[in-house]
Protein backbone atom coordinates (compact mmCIF):
# COMPACT_ATOMS: atom_id res chain seq x y z
CA UNK A 1 170.22 142.51 35.09
CA UNK A 2 172.25 143.22 32.87
CA UNK A 3 172.70 143.43 29.66
CA UNK A 4 175.01 140.83 28.46
CA UNK A 5 173.05 138.68 30.63
CA UNK A 6 169.87 139.16 29.46
CA UNK A 7 171.00 138.90 25.77
CA UNK A 8 172.77 135.73 26.73
CA UNK A 9 170.01 133.90 28.59
CA UNK A 10 167.68 134.88 25.70
CA UNK A 11 170.30 132.99 23.12
CA UNK A 12 169.67 129.83 25.60
CA UNK A 13 165.99 130.00 25.47
CA UNK A 14 166.65 129.90 21.75
CA UNK A 15 169.07 127.91 21.72
CA UNK A 16 167.16 125.44 23.74
CA UNK A 17 164.05 125.12 21.55
CA UNK A 18 166.12 124.39 18.08
CA UNK A 19 168.07 121.07 20.58
CA UNK A 20 167.07 117.79 18.48
CA UNK A 21 166.48 115.12 22.07
CA UNK A 22 166.42 112.20 22.50
CA UNK A 23 162.39 110.79 23.55
CA UNK A 24 160.83 114.27 22.88
CA UNK A 25 159.04 115.57 19.01
CA UNK A 26 161.26 116.90 17.10
CA UNK A 27 157.85 118.77 15.37
CA UNK A 28 160.10 122.54 15.37
CA UNK A 29 162.30 120.71 12.98
CA UNK A 30 161.12 118.48 10.87
CA UNK A 31 158.65 121.94 9.84
CA UNK A 32 160.61 123.54 7.27
CA UNK A 33 160.27 127.18 6.00
CA UNK A 34 158.10 127.65 9.67
CA UNK A 35 161.27 126.70 12.03
CA UNK A 36 163.38 128.86 8.94
CA UNK A 37 160.91 131.69 10.46
CA UNK A 38 160.66 130.92 13.63
CA UNK A 39 164.97 130.70 13.78
CA UNK A 40 164.76 134.44 12.03
CA UNK A 41 161.66 135.47 14.08
CA UNK A 42 164.46 134.53 17.05
CA UNK A 43 167.54 136.96 16.16
CA UNK A 44 165.29 139.46 15.61
CA UNK A 45 164.45 139.16 19.25
CA UNK A 46 167.34 138.98 20.12
CA UNK A 47 168.48 142.26 18.00
CA UNK A 48 165.59 144.13 18.84
CA UNK A 49 166.02 143.94 22.30
CA UNK A 50 170.11 144.82 22.26
CA UNK A 51 168.66 147.80 19.95
CA UNK A 52 166.43 148.89 22.80
CA UNK A 53 169.28 149.12 25.94
CA UNK A 54 171.83 150.27 23.98
CA UNK A 55 168.41 152.80 23.71
CA UNK A 56 167.34 153.07 27.06
CA UNK A 57 171.23 153.75 28.23
CA UNK A 58 172.40 156.23 26.38
CA UNK A 59 173.44 158.23 29.91
CA UNK A 60 175.94 154.85 30.53
CA UNK A 61 177.74 155.32 26.91
CA UNK A 62 178.46 158.22 27.45
CA UNK A 63 176.36 160.43 24.67
CA UNK A 64 176.36 163.97 27.00
CA UNK A 65 179.53 164.35 24.71
CA UNK A 66 178.04 164.39 21.59
CA UNK A 67 175.05 167.00 22.03
CA UNK A 68 173.17 166.89 18.49
CA UNK A 69 170.95 169.62 18.55
CA UNK A 70 172.88 172.66 19.67
CA UNK A 71 175.50 171.48 16.79
CA UNK A 72 172.63 171.42 14.02
CA UNK A 73 171.51 175.03 15.36
CA UNK A 74 175.53 176.44 15.45
CA UNK A 75 175.46 174.64 11.49
CA UNK A 76 172.64 176.92 9.94
CA UNK A 77 170.09 173.36 9.99
CA UNK A 78 166.61 175.33 11.43
CA UNK A 79 164.27 172.35 9.75
CA UNK A 80 163.04 170.51 12.09
CA UNK A 81 162.48 167.11 10.42
CA UNK A 82 166.25 167.49 9.35
CA UNK A 83 167.31 167.46 13.11
CA UNK A 84 166.49 164.79 16.38
CA UNK A 85 168.29 162.62 18.39
CA UNK A 86 170.84 160.09 17.66
CA UNK A 87 171.27 156.90 19.21
CA UNK A 88 174.56 156.09 19.48
CA UNK A 89 175.93 152.92 19.78
CA UNK A 90 178.81 150.97 20.40
CA UNK A 91 181.68 150.11 18.52
CA UNK A 92 180.71 146.29 19.84
CA UNK A 93 177.86 146.94 17.72
CA UNK A 94 178.45 144.03 14.68
CA UNK A 95 178.07 146.93 11.83
CA UNK A 96 177.71 149.84 13.36
CA UNK A 97 179.64 152.45 11.48
CA UNK A 98 181.64 152.91 15.02
CA UNK A 99 182.62 149.29 14.26
CA UNK A 100 182.77 149.38 10.97
CA UNK A 101 185.59 152.17 11.95
CA UNK A 102 187.38 150.15 14.15
CA UNK A 103 187.77 146.63 11.79
CA UNK A 104 189.10 149.42 9.61
CA UNK A 105 192.04 151.63 11.24
CA UNK A 106 193.19 147.74 12.60
CA UNK A 107 193.33 146.41 9.05
CA UNK A 108 195.11 149.37 8.16
CA UNK A 109 197.04 148.68 11.71
CA UNK A 110 198.65 145.11 10.52
CA UNK A 111 198.97 146.39 6.81
CA UNK A 112 201.20 148.87 8.95
CA UNK A 113 202.76 146.27 11.26
CA UNK A 114 203.51 143.97 8.38
CA UNK A 115 204.86 146.79 5.72
CA UNK A 116 202.31 145.57 3.33
CA UNK A 117 201.35 148.83 1.07
CA UNK A 118 197.72 149.51 -0.41
CA UNK A 119 197.95 149.12 -4.20
CA UNK A 120 195.29 150.89 -6.07
């Protein structure tokens, strides 16, 4: 099962759980803070699943292009507590550094296209 389909199925499951239906109990919807906690837990579950998928499929994301340990040794970083394996997140992952960089570059291209200039 691919990542996008599995994530959509999880989202559909939680969306189905929070829908209000005729002739069915609305206990979950009327439970106040417990309902809000359910929503937070559902979002955390989906987000954790996505992060686990990125972690397990680093080869799919072409992370072999990033040589972390060798670069650290070349830079003189010999303390092992500072050297570890990085998890590369794609630019489509919201709020990742690559995502923010992509949005910044898009905004600068739009500004350049319209002739706007940044005033500090």
